[in-house]
């Protein structure tokens, strides 16, 4: 499952195992690509998600909002693996202590 945003450097590729999806994200997550990330992470019949952001190069408020929406969709079963850059953005935004952040 691959969701492409308008930015050709962005990709969000999901792999489903059972009732869980692992989404690997590359490139910039911003207003033009955040929706594609959400769609990639929310296929039908999925009850948990891991979002791998280690290859993300830019992360803005639209991306933060997407993570909050995913945390609401997957309470207790969301895991987010950030890059150092994403971690800094989440720390600055006050989300650095969230239980879903690894």
PDB file of N, CA and C in Angstrom:
ATOM      1  N   UNK A   1       0.854  -1.165   0.000  1.00  0.00           N
ATOM      2  CA  UNK A   1       0.000   0.000   0.000  1.00  0.00           C
ATOM      3  C   UNK A   1       0.894   1.221   0.000  1.00  0.00           C
ATOM      4  N   UNK A   2       0.824   2.056  -1.029  1.00  0.00           N
ATOM      5  CA  UNK A   2       1.679   3.220  -1.153  1.00  0.00           C
ATOM      6  C   UNK A   2       0.806   4.434  -1.427  1.00  0.00           C
ATOM      7  N   UNK A   3       0.993   5.466  -0.632  1.00  0.00           N
ATOM      8  CA  UNK A   3       0.241   6.703  -0.808  1.00  0.00           C
ATOM      9  C   UNK A   3       1.228   7.798  -1.163  1.00  0.00           C
ATOM     10  N   UNK A   4       1.033   8.430  -2.285  1.00  0.00           N
ATOM     11  CA  UNK A   4       1.917   9.495  -2.728  1.00  0.00           C
ATOM     12  C   UNK A   4       1.240  10.848  -2.553  1.00  0.00           C
ATOM     13  N   UNK A   5       1.980  11.814  -2.023  1.00  0.00           N
ATOM     14  CA  UNK A   5       1.503  13.186  -1.952  1.00  0.00           C
ATOM     15  C   UNK A   5       1.910  13.897  -3.225  1.00  0.00           C
ATOM     16  N   UNK A   6       1.749  15.203  -3.265  1.00  0.00           N
ATOM     17  CA  UNK A   6       2.134  15.953  -4.452  1.00  0.00           C
ATOM     18  C   UNK A   6       3.643  16.078  -4.567  1.00  0.00           C
ATOM     19  N   UNK A   7       4.359  15.949  -3.466  1.00  0.00           N
ATOM     20  CA  UNK A   7       5.811  16.020  -3.459  1.00  0.00           C
ATOM     21  C   UNK A   7       6.375  14.669  -3.885  1.00  0.00           C
ATOM     22  N   UNK A   8       7.117  14.587  -4.984  1.00  0.00           N
ATOM     23  CA  UNK A   8       7.624  13.299  -5.434  1.00  0.00           C
ATOM     24  C   UNK A   8       8.635  12.685  -4.469  1.00  0.00           C
ATOM     25  N   UNK A   9       9.208  13.476  -3.553  1.00  0.00           N
ATOM     26  CA  UNK A   9      10.164  12.932  -2.587  1.00  0.00           C
ATOM     27  C   UNK A   9       9.451  12.299  -1.391  1.00  0.00           C
ATOM     28  N   UNK A  10       8.146  12.512  -1.246  1.00  0.00           N
ATOM     29  CA  UNK A  10       7.379  11.962  -0.128  1.00  0.00           C
ATOM     30  C   UNK A  10       6.839  10.587  -0.482  1.00  0.00           C
ATOM     31  N   UNK A  11       6.896   9.690   0.483  1.00  0.00           N
ATOM     32  CA  UNK A  11       6.173   8.432   0.344  1.00  0.00           C
ATOM     33  C   UNK A  11       5.763   7.951   1.727  1.00  0.00           C
ATOM     34  N   UNK A  12       4.651   7.243   1.778  1.00  0.00           N
ATOM     35  CA  UNK A  12       4.162   6.599   2.995  1.00  0.00           C
ATOM     36  C   UNK A  12       3.701   5.212   2.568  1.00  0.00           C
ATOM     37  N   UNK A  13       4.514   4.219   2.868  1.00  0.00           N
ATOM     38  CA  UNK A  13       4.264   2.857   2.433  1.00  0.00           C
ATOM     39  C   UNK A  13       3.887   2.004   3.634  1.00  0.00           C
ATOM     40  N   UNK A  14       2.725   1.366   3.560  1.00  0.00           N
ATOM     41  CA  UNK A  14       2.237   0.563   4.668  1.00  0.00           C
ATOM     42  C   UNK A  14       2.333  -0.921   4.394  1.00  0.00           C
ATOM     43  N   UNK A  15       2.684  -1.669   5.445  1.00  0.00           N
ATOM     44  CA  UNK A  15       2.711  -3.128   5.404  1.00  0.00           C
ATOM     45  C   UNK A  15       1.819  -3.635   6.522  1.00  0.00           C
ATOM     46  N   UNK A  16       0.815  -4.417   6.169  1.00  0.00           N
ATOM     47  CA  UNK A  16      -0.144  -4.932   7.139  1.00  0.00           C
ATOM     48  C   UNK A  16       0.253  -6.340   7.556  1.00  0.00           C
ATOM     49  N   UNK A  17       0.252  -6.557   8.864  1.00  0.00           N
ATOM     50  CA  UNK A  17       0.449  -7.885   9.437  1.00  0.00           C
ATOM     51  C   UNK A  17      -0.656  -8.084  10.460  1.00  0.00           C
ATOM     52  N   UNK A  18      -1.571  -8.978  10.162  1.00  0.00           N
ATOM     53  CA  UNK A  18      -2.706  -9.190  11.056  1.00  0.00           C
ATOM     54  C   UNK A  18      -3.577  -7.950  11.112  1.00  0.00           C
ATOM     55  N   UNK A  19      -3.742  -7.400  12.323  1.00  0.00           N
ATOM     56  CA  UNK A  19      -4.571  -6.205  12.492  1.00  0.00           C
ATOM     57  C   UNK A  19      -3.730  -4.960  12.750  1.00  0.00           C
ATOM     58  N   UNK A  20      -2.442  -5.019  12.373  1.00  0.00           N
ATOM     59  CA  UNK A  20      -1.530  -3.911  12.614  1.00  0.00           C
ATOM     60  C   UNK A  20      -0.868  -3.498  11.310  1.00  0.00           C
ATOM     61  N   UNK A  21      -0.621  -2.182  11.176  1.00  0.00           N
ATOM     62  CA  UNK A  21       0.078  -1.664  10.000  1.00  0.00           C
ATOM     63  C   UNK A  21       1.360  -0.977  10.444  1.00  0.00           C
ATOM     64  N   UNK A  22       2.403  -1.156   9.651  1.00  0.00           N
ATOM     65  CA  UNK A  22       3.653  -0.419   9.826  1.00  0.00           C
ATOM     66  C   UNK A  22       3.786   0.478   8.599  1.00  0.00           C
ATOM     67  N   UNK A  23       3.852   1.781   8.840  1.00  0.00           N
ATOM     68  CA  UNK A  23       3.960   2.751   7.754  1.00  0.00           C
ATOM     69  C   UNK A  23       5.348   3.376   7.807  1.00  0.00           C
ATOM     70  N   UNK A  24       6.077   3.253   6.717  1.00  0.00           N
ATOM     71  CA  UNK A  24       7.406   3.852   6.601  1.00  0.00           C
ATOM     72  C   UNK A  24       7.259   5.113   5.758  1.00  0.00           C
ATOM     73  N   UNK A  25       7.689   6.230   6.336  1.00  0.00           N
ATOM     74  CA  UNK A  25       7.496   7.538   5.708  1.00  0.00           C
ATOM     75  C   UNK A  25       8.855   8.124   5.344  1.00  0.00           C
ATOM     76  N   UNK A  26       8.945   8.686   4.138  1.00  0.00           N
ATOM     77  CA  UNK A  26      10.165   9.366   3.710  1.00  0.00           C
ATOM     78  C   UNK A  26       9.808  10.745   3.174  1.00  0.00           C
ATOM     79  N   UNK A  27      10.765  11.653   3.258  1.00  0.00           N
ATOM     80  CA  UNK A  27      10.590  12.987   2.689  1.00  0.00           C
ATOM     81  C   UNK A  27       9.917  13.951   3.636  1.00  0.00           C
ATOM     82  N   UNK A  28       9.184  14.908   3.070  1.00  0.00           N
ATOM     83  CA  UNK A  28       8.560  15.987   3.834  1.00  0.00           C
ATOM     84  C   UNK A  28       7.108  15.672   4.152  1.00  0.00           C
ATOM     85  N   UNK A  29       6.760  15.807   5.431  1.00  0.00           N
ATOM     86  CA  UNK A  29       5.364  15.668   5.837  1.00  0.00           C
ATOM     87  C   UNK A  29       4.885  17.069   6.183  1.00  0.00           C
ATOM     88  N   UNK A  30       3.994  17.576   5.340  1.00  0.00           N
ATOM     89  CA  UNK A  30       3.486  18.936   5.512  1.00  0.00           C
ATOM     90  C   UNK A  30       2.025  18.972   5.083  1.00  0.00           C
ATOM     91  N   UNK A  31       1.514  20.152   4.890  1.00  0.00           N
ATOM     92  CA  UNK A  31       0.104  20.326   4.544  1.00  0.00           C
ATOM     93  C   UNK A  31      -0.294  19.543   3.289  1.00  0.00           C
ATOM     94  N   UNK A  32       0.620  19.417   2.342  1.00  0.00           N
ATOM     95  CA  UNK A  32       0.275  18.739   1.087  1.00  0.00           C
ATOM     96  C   UNK A  32       0.411  17.221   1.166  1.00  0.00           C
ATOM     97  N   UNK A  33       1.071  16.691   2.186  1.00  0.00           N
ATOM     98  CA  UNK A  33       1.290  15.250   2.255  1.00  0.00           C
ATOM     99  C   UNK A  33       0.724  14.591   3.518  1.00  0.00           C
ATOM    100  N   UNK A  34       0.344  15.369   4.512  1.00  0.00           N
ATOM    101  CA  UNK A  34      -0.144  14.812   5.777  1.00  0.00           C
ATOM    102  C   UNK A  34      -1.379  13.934   5.572  1.00  0.00           C
ATOM    103  N   UNK A  35      -2.255  14.320   4.688  1.00  0.00           N
ATOM    104  CA  UNK A  35      -3.447  13.516   4.406  1.00  0.00           C
ATOM    105  C   UNK A  35      -3.091  12.146   3.844  1.00  0.00           C
ATOM    106  N   UNK A  36      -2.075  12.098   2.991  1.00  0.00           N
ATOM    107  CA  UNK A  36      -1.635  10.813   2.434  1.00  0.00           C
ATOM    108  C   UNK A  36      -1.053   9.922   3.527  1.00  0.00           C
ATOM    109  N   UNK A  37      -0.346  10.526   4.476  1.00  0.00           N
ATOM    110  CA  UNK A  37       0.166   9.744   5.605  1.00  0.00           C
ATOM    111  C   UNK A  37      -0.998   9.158   6.404  1.00  0.00           C
ATOM    112  N   UNK A  38      -1.995   9.972   6.687  1.00  0.00           N
ATOM    113  CA  UNK A  38      -3.146   9.481   7.457  1.00  0.00           C
ATOM    114  C   UNK A  38      -3.855   8.343   6.715  1.00  0.00           C
ATOM    115  N   UNK A  39      -4.082   8.521   5.435  1.00  0.00           N
ATOM    116  CA  UNK A  39      -4.755   7.474   4.652  1.00  0.00           C
ATOM    117  C   UNK A  39      -3.941   6.185   4.623  1.00  0.00           C
ATOM    118  N   UNK A  40      -2.627   6.314   4.497  1.00  0.00           N
ATOM    119  CA  UNK A  40      -1.779   5.112   4.475  1.00  0.00           C
ATOM    120  C   UNK A  40      -1.833   4.363   5.801  1.00  0.00           C
ATOM    121  N   UNK A  41      -2.042   5.093   6.894  1.00  0.00           N
ATOM    122  CA  UNK A  41      -2.016   4.491   8.230  1.00  0.00           C
ATOM    123  C   UNK A  41      -3.373   4.002   8.712  1.00  0.00           C
ATOM    124  N   UNK A  42      -4.422   4.202   7.919  1.00  0.00           N
ATOM    125  CA  UNK A  42      -5.768   3.886   8.411  1.00  0.00           C
ATOM    126  C   UNK A  42      -6.586   3.015   7.456  1.00  0.00           C
ATOM    127  N   UNK A  43      -6.030   1.918   6.986  1.00  0.00           N
ATOM    128  CA  UNK A  43      -6.872   1.028   6.176  1.00  0.00           C
ATOM    129  C   UNK A  43      -7.932   0.361   7.061  1.00  0.00           C
ATOM    130  N   UNK A  44      -8.920  -0.209   6.429  1.00  0.00           N
ATOM    131  CA  UNK A  44      -9.992  -0.886   7.164  1.00  0.00           C
ATOM    132  C   UNK A  44      -9.452  -2.068   7.961  1.00  0.00           C
ATOM    133  N   UNK A  45     -10.105  -2.361   9.078  1.00  0.00           N
ATOM    134  CA  UNK A  45      -9.852  -3.528   9.918  1.00  0.00           C
ATOM    135  C   UNK A  45      -8.513  -3.500  10.658  1.00  0.00           C
ATOM    136  N   UNK A  46      -7.880  -2.347  10.731  1.00  0.00           N
ATOM    137  CA  UNK A  46      -6.602  -2.213  11.433  1.00  0.00           C
ATOM    138  C   UNK A  46      -6.862  -1.624  12.810  1.00  0.00           C
ATOM    139  N   UNK A  47      -6.229  -2.197  13.845  1.00  0.00           N
ATOM    140  CA  UNK A  47      -6.454  -1.715  15.214  1.00  0.00           C
ATOM    141  C   UNK A  47      -5.186  -1.167  15.864  1.00  0.00           C
ATOM    142  N   UNK A  48      -4.070  -1.186  15.160  1.00  0.00           N
ATOM    143  CA  UNK A  48      -2.827  -0.648  15.706  1.00  0.00           C
ATOM    144  C   UNK A  48      -1.905  -0.226  14.581  1.00  0.00           C
ATOM    145  N   UNK A  49      -1.005   0.725  14.901  1.00  0.00           N
ATOM    146  CA  UNK A  49      -0.108   1.227  13.866  1.00  0.00           C
ATOM    147  C   UNK A  49       1.248   1.600  14.444  1.00  0.00           C
ATOM    148  N   UNK A  50       2.263   1.360  13.622  1.00  0.00           N
ATOM    149  CA  UNK A  50       3.612   1.861  13.877  1.00  0.00           C
ATOM    150  C   UNK A  50       3.926   2.803  12.730  1.00  0.00           C
ATOM    151  N   UNK A  51       4.321   4.016  13.065  1.00  0.00           N
ATOM    152  CA  UNK A  51       4.666   5.016  12.063  1.00  0.00           C
ATOM    153  C   UNK A  51       6.162   5.264  12.171  1.00  0.00           C
ATOM    154  N   UNK A  52       6.902   4.877  11.158  1.00  0.00           N
ATOM    155  CA  UNK A  52       8.359   5.025  11.134  1.00  0.00           C
ATOM    156  C   UNK A  52       8.698   6.317  10.400  1.00  0.00           C
ATOM    157  N   UNK A  53       9.150   7.316  11.165  1.00  0.00           N
ATOM    158  CA  UNK A  53       9.456   8.636  10.612  1.00  0.00           C
ATOM    159  C   UNK A  53      10.960   8.897  10.543  1.00  0.00           C
ATOM    160  N   UNK A  54      11.767   7.859  10.627  1.00  0.00           N
ATOM    161  CA  UNK A  54      13.224   8.056  10.665  1.00  0.00           C
ATOM    162  C   UNK A  54      13.796   8.646   9.385  1.00  0.00           C
ATOM    163  N   UNK A  55      13.090   8.556   8.261  1.00  0.00           N
ATOM    164  CA  UNK A  55      13.583   9.116   6.996  1.00  0.00           C
ATOM    165  C   UNK A  55      12.861  10.412   6.630  1.00  0.00           C
ATOM    166  N   UNK A  56      12.160  11.015   7.592  1.00  0.00           N
ATOM    167  CA  UNK A  56      11.446  12.268   7.339  1.00  0.00           C
ATOM    168  C   UNK A  56      12.420  13.436   7.456  1.00  0.00           C
ATOM    169  N   UNK A  57      12.359  14.342   6.477  1.00  0.00           N
ATOM    170  CA  UNK A  57      13.281  15.483   6.435  1.00  0.00           C
ATOM    171  C   UNK A  57      12.633  16.800   6.840  1.00  0.00           C
ATOM    172  N   UNK A  58      11.303  16.854   6.876  1.00  0.00           N
ATOM    173  CA  UNK A  58      10.585  18.065   7.281  1.00  0.00           C
ATOM    174  C   UNK A  58       9.270  17.628   7.900  1.00  0.00           C
ATOM    175  N   UNK A  59       8.863  18.298   8.984  1.00  0.00           N
ATOM    176  CA  UNK A  59       7.678  17.905   9.744  1.00  0.00           C
ATOM    177  C   UNK A  59       7.061  19.169  10.308  1.00  0.00           C
ATOM    178  N   UNK A  60       5.820  19.502   9.884  1.00  0.00           N
ATOM    179  CA  UNK A  60       5.216  20.760  10.324  1.00  0.00           C
ATOM    180  C   UNK A  60       3.955  20.522  11.148  1.00  0.00           C
ATOM    181  N   UNK A  61       3.192  21.580  11.369  1.00  0.00           N
ATOM    182  CA  UNK A  61       1.998  21.489  12.216  1.00  0.00           C
ATOM    183  C   UNK A  61       0.937  20.567  11.627  1.00  0.00           C
ATOM    184  N   UNK A  62       0.829  20.476  10.318  1.00  0.00           N
ATOM    185  CA  UNK A  62      -0.122  19.544   9.700  1.00  0.00           C
ATOM    186  C   UNK A  62       0.291  18.107  10.019  1.00  0.00           C
ATOM    187  N   UNK A  63       1.580  17.846  10.039  1.00  0.00           N
ATOM    188  CA  UNK A  63       2.081  16.519  10.377  1.00  0.00           C
ATOM    189  C   UNK A  63       1.812  16.201  11.845  1.00  0.00           C
ATOM    190  N   UNK A  64       2.007  17.188  12.714  1.00  0.00           N
ATOM    191  CA  UNK A  64       1.709  17.004  14.140  1.00  0.00           C
ATOM    192  C   UNK A  64       0.231  16.670  14.314  1.00  0.00           C
ATOM    193  N   UNK A  65      -0.622  17.401  13.637  1.00  0.00           N
ATOM    194  CA  UNK A  65      -2.065  17.150  13.724  1.00  0.00           C
ATOM    195  C   UNK A  65      -2.401  15.725  13.275  1.00  0.00           C
ATOM    196  N   UNK A  66      -1.722  15.257  12.250  1.00  0.00           N
ATOM    197  CA  UNK A  66      -1.953  13.894  11.770  1.00  0.00           C
ATOM    198  C   UNK A  66      -1.584  12.868  12.843  1.00  0.00           C
ATOM    199  N   UNK A  67      -0.465  13.075  13.537  1.00  0.00           N
ATOM    200  CA  UNK A  67      -0.097  12.149  14.611  1.00  0.00           C
ATOM    201  C   UNK A  67      -1.130  12.164  15.737  1.00  0.00           C
ATOM    202  N   UNK A  68      -1.647  13.338  16.060  1.00  0.00           N
ATOM    203  CA  UNK A  68      -2.683  13.427  17.102  1.00  0.00           C
ATOM    204  C   UNK A  68      -3.930  12.662  16.659  1.00  0.00           C
ATOM    205  N   UNK A  69      -4.328  12.815  15.408  1.00  0.00           N
ATOM    206  CA  UNK A  69      -5.481  12.073  14.886  1.00  0.00           C
ATOM    207  C   UNK A  69      -5.235  10.568  14.936  1.00  0.00           C
ATOM    208  N   UNK A  70      -4.019  10.142  14.616  1.00  0.00           N
ATOM    209  CA  UNK A  70      -3.696   8.718  14.665  1.00  0.00           C
ATOM    210  C   UNK A  70      -3.697   8.204  16.105  1.00  0.00           C
ATOM    211  N   UNK A  71      -3.233   9.013  17.045  1.00  0.00           N
ATOM    212  CA  UNK A  71      -3.263   8.620  18.460  1.00  0.00           C
ATOM    213  C   UNK A  71      -4.706   8.457  18.937  1.00  0.00           C
ATOM    214  N   UNK A  72      -5.607   9.296  18.443  1.00  0.00           N
ATOM    215  CA  UNK A  72      -7.029   9.163  18.782  1.00  0.00           C
ATOM    216  C   UNK A  72      -7.636   7.928  18.118  1.00  0.00           C
ATOM    217  N   UNK A  73      -7.218   7.638  16.917  1.00  0.00           N
ATOM    218  CA  UNK A  73      -7.751   6.478  16.183  1.00  0.00           C
ATOM    219  C   UNK A  73      -7.256   5.159  16.784  1.00  0.00           C
ATOM    220  N   UNK A  74      -6.003   5.157  17.259  1.00  0.00           N
ATOM    221  CA  UNK A  74      -5.376   3.943  17.795  1.00  0.00           C
ATOM    222  C   UNK A  74      -4.964   4.141  19.256  1.00  0.00           C
ATOM    223  N   UNK A  75      -5.918   4.355  20.162  1.00  0.00           N
ATOM    224  CA  UNK A  75      -5.538   4.601  21.565  1.00  0.00           C
ATOM    225  C   UNK A  75      -4.827   3.391  22.165  1.00  0.00           C
ATOM    226  N   UNK A  76      -3.631   3.624  22.670  1.00  0.00           N
ATOM    227  CA  UNK A  76      -2.862   2.564  23.300  1.00  0.00           C
ATOM    228  C   UNK A  76      -2.154   1.623  22.352  1.00  0.00           C
ATOM    229  N   UNK A  77      -2.372   1.756  21.049  1.00  0.00           N
ATOM    230  CA  UNK A  77      -1.737   0.835  20.101  1.00  0.00           C
ATOM    231  C   UNK A  77      -0.941   1.560  19.011  1.00  0.00           C
ATOM    232  N   UNK A  78      -0.718   2.868  19.188  1.00  0.00           N
ATOM    233  CA  UNK A  78       0.093   3.627  18.231  1.00  0.00           C
ATOM    234  C   UNK A  78       1.525   3.684  18.733  1.00  0.00           C
ATOM    235  N   UNK A  79       2.457   3.495  17.818  1.00  0.00           N
ATOM    236  CA  UNK A  79       3.881   3.666  18.095  1.00  0.00           C
ATOM    237  C   UNK A  79       4.450   4.548  16.996  1.00  0.00           C
ATOM    238  N   UNK A  80       5.179   5.593  17.389  1.00  0.00           N
ATOM    239  CA  UNK A  80       5.803   6.496  16.430  1.00  0.00           C
ATOM    240  C   UNK A  80       7.306   6.468  16.667  1.00  0.00           C
ATOM    241  N   UNK A  81       8.055   6.174  15.613  1.00  0.00           N
ATOM    242  CA  UNK A  81       9.511   6.136  15.673  1.00  0.00           C
ATOM    243  C   UNK A  81      10.022   7.366  14.919  1.00  0.00           C
ATOM    244  N   UNK A  82      10.468   8.400  15.648  1.00  0.00           N
ATOM    245  CA  UNK A  82      10.842   9.652  14.979  1.00  0.00           C
ATOM    246  C   UNK A  82      12.306   9.701  14.556  1.00  0.00           C
ATOM    247  N   UNK A  83      12.570  10.547  13.569  1.00  0.00           N
ATOM    248  CA  UNK A  83      13.949  10.945  13.280  1.00  0.00           C
ATOM    249  C   UNK A  83      14.335  11.964  14.352  1.00  0.00           C
ATOM    250  N   UNK A  84      15.614  12.317  14.425  1.00  0.00           N
ATOM    251  CA  UNK A  84      16.029  13.357  15.373  1.00  0.00           C
ATOM    252  C   UNK A  84      15.306  14.670  15.082  1.00  0.00           C
ATOM    253  N   UNK A  85      15.146  14.991  13.827  1.00  0.00           N
ATOM    254  CA  UNK A  85      14.471  16.235  13.426  1.00  0.00           C
ATOM    255  C   UNK A  85      13.014  16.228  13.879  1.00  0.00           C
ATOM    256  N   UNK A  86      12.315  15.119  13.651  1.00  0.00           N
ATOM    257  CA  UNK A  86      10.914  15.010  14.069  1.00  0.00           C
ATOM    258  C   UNK A  86      10.825  15.065  15.590  1.00  0.00           C
ATOM    259  N   UNK A  87      11.736  14.399  16.274  1.00  0.00           N
ATOM    260  CA  UNK A  87      11.746  14.423  17.745  1.00  0.00           C
ATOM    261  C   UNK A  87      11.851  15.853  18.262  1.00  0.00           C
ATOM    262  N   UNK A  88      12.726  16.661  17.657  1.00  0.00           N
ATOM    263  CA  UNK A  88      12.867  18.063  18.085  1.00  0.00           C
ATOM    264  C   UNK A  88      11.559  18.823  17.902  1.00  0.00           C
ATOM    265  N   UNK A  89      10.912  18.631  16.774  1.00  0.00           N
ATOM    266  CA  UNK A  89       9.637  19.320  16.516  1.00  0.00           C
ATOM    267  C   UNK A  89       8.592  18.897  17.550  1.00  0.00           C
ATOM    268  N   UNK A  90       8.510  17.607  17.846  1.00  0.00           N
ATOM    269  CA  UNK A  90       7.536  17.130  18.822  1.00  0.00           C
ATOM    270  C   UNK A  90       7.873  17.614  20.224  1.00  0.00           C
ATOM    271  N   UNK A  91       9.159  17.671  20.571  1.00  0.00           N
ATOM    272  CA  UNK A  91       9.554  18.211  21.874  1.00  0.00           C
ATOM    273  C   UNK A  91       9.158  19.680  22.000  1.00  0.00           C
ATOM    274  N   UNK A  92       9.436  20.458  20.974  1.00  0.00           N
ATOM    275  CA  UNK A  92       9.098  21.891  20.988  1.00  0.00           C
ATOM    276  C   UNK A  92       7.594  22.088  21.083  1.00  0.00           C
ATOM    277  N   UNK A  93       6.824  21.216  20.443  1.00  0.00           N
ATOM    278  CA  UNK A  93       5.366  21.356  20.439  1.00  0.00           C
ATOM    279  C   UNK A  93       4.731  20.876  21.743  1.00  0.00           C
ATOM    280  N   UNK A  94       5.534  20.275  22.640  1.00  0.00           N
ATOM    281  CA  UNK A  94       5.002  19.785  23.902  1.00  0.00           C
ATOM    282  C   UNK A  94       4.544  18.339  23.854  1.00  0.00           C
ATOM    283  N   UNK A  95       4.789  17.655  22.746  1.00  0.00           N
ATOM    284  CA  UNK A  95       4.346  16.267  22.591  1.00  0.00           C
ATOM    285  C   UNK A  95       5.461  15.252  22.837  1.00  0.00           C
ATOM    286  N   UNK A  96       6.623  15.701  23.271  1.00  0.00           N
ATOM    287  CA  UNK A  96       7.767  14.828  23.442  1.00  0.00           C
ATOM    288  C   UNK A  96       7.580  13.740  24.487  1.00  0.00           C
ATOM    289  N   UNK A  97       6.629  13.897  25.394  1.00  0.00           N
ATOM    290  CA  UNK A  97       6.409  12.912  26.436  1.00  0.00           C
ATOM    291  C   UNK A  97       5.245  11.958  26.178  1.00  0.00           C
ATOM    292  N   UNK A  98       4.717  11.971  24.984  1.00  0.00           N
ATOM    293  CA  UNK A  98       3.574  11.114  24.675  1.00  0.00           C
ATOM    294  C   UNK A  98       3.960   9.637  24.754  1.00  0.00           C
ATOM    295  N   UNK A  99       3.078   8.780  25.264  1.00  0.00           N
ATOM    296  CA  UNK A  99       3.411   7.364  25.397  1.00  0.00           C
ATOM    297  C   UNK A  99       3.616   6.660  24.061  1.00  0.00           C
ATOM    298  N   UNK A 100       3.078   7.199  22.989  1.00  0.00           N
ATOM    299  CA  UNK A 100       3.224   6.565  21.677  1.00  0.00           C
ATOM    300  C   UNK A 100       4.536   6.898  21.001  1.00  0.00           C
ATOM    301  N   UNK A 101       5.290   7.829  21.576  1.00  0.00           N
ATOM    302  CA  UNK A 101       6.559   8.264  20.964  1.00  0.00           C
ATOM    303  C   UNK A 101       7.700   7.396  21.487  1.00  0.00           C
ATOM    304  N   UNK A 102       8.448   6.767  20.581  1.00  0.00           N
ATOM    305  CA  UNK A 102       9.570   5.899  20.969  1.00  0.00           C
ATOM    306  C   UNK A 102      10.879   6.607  20.808  1.00  0.00           C
TER     307      UNK A 102
END
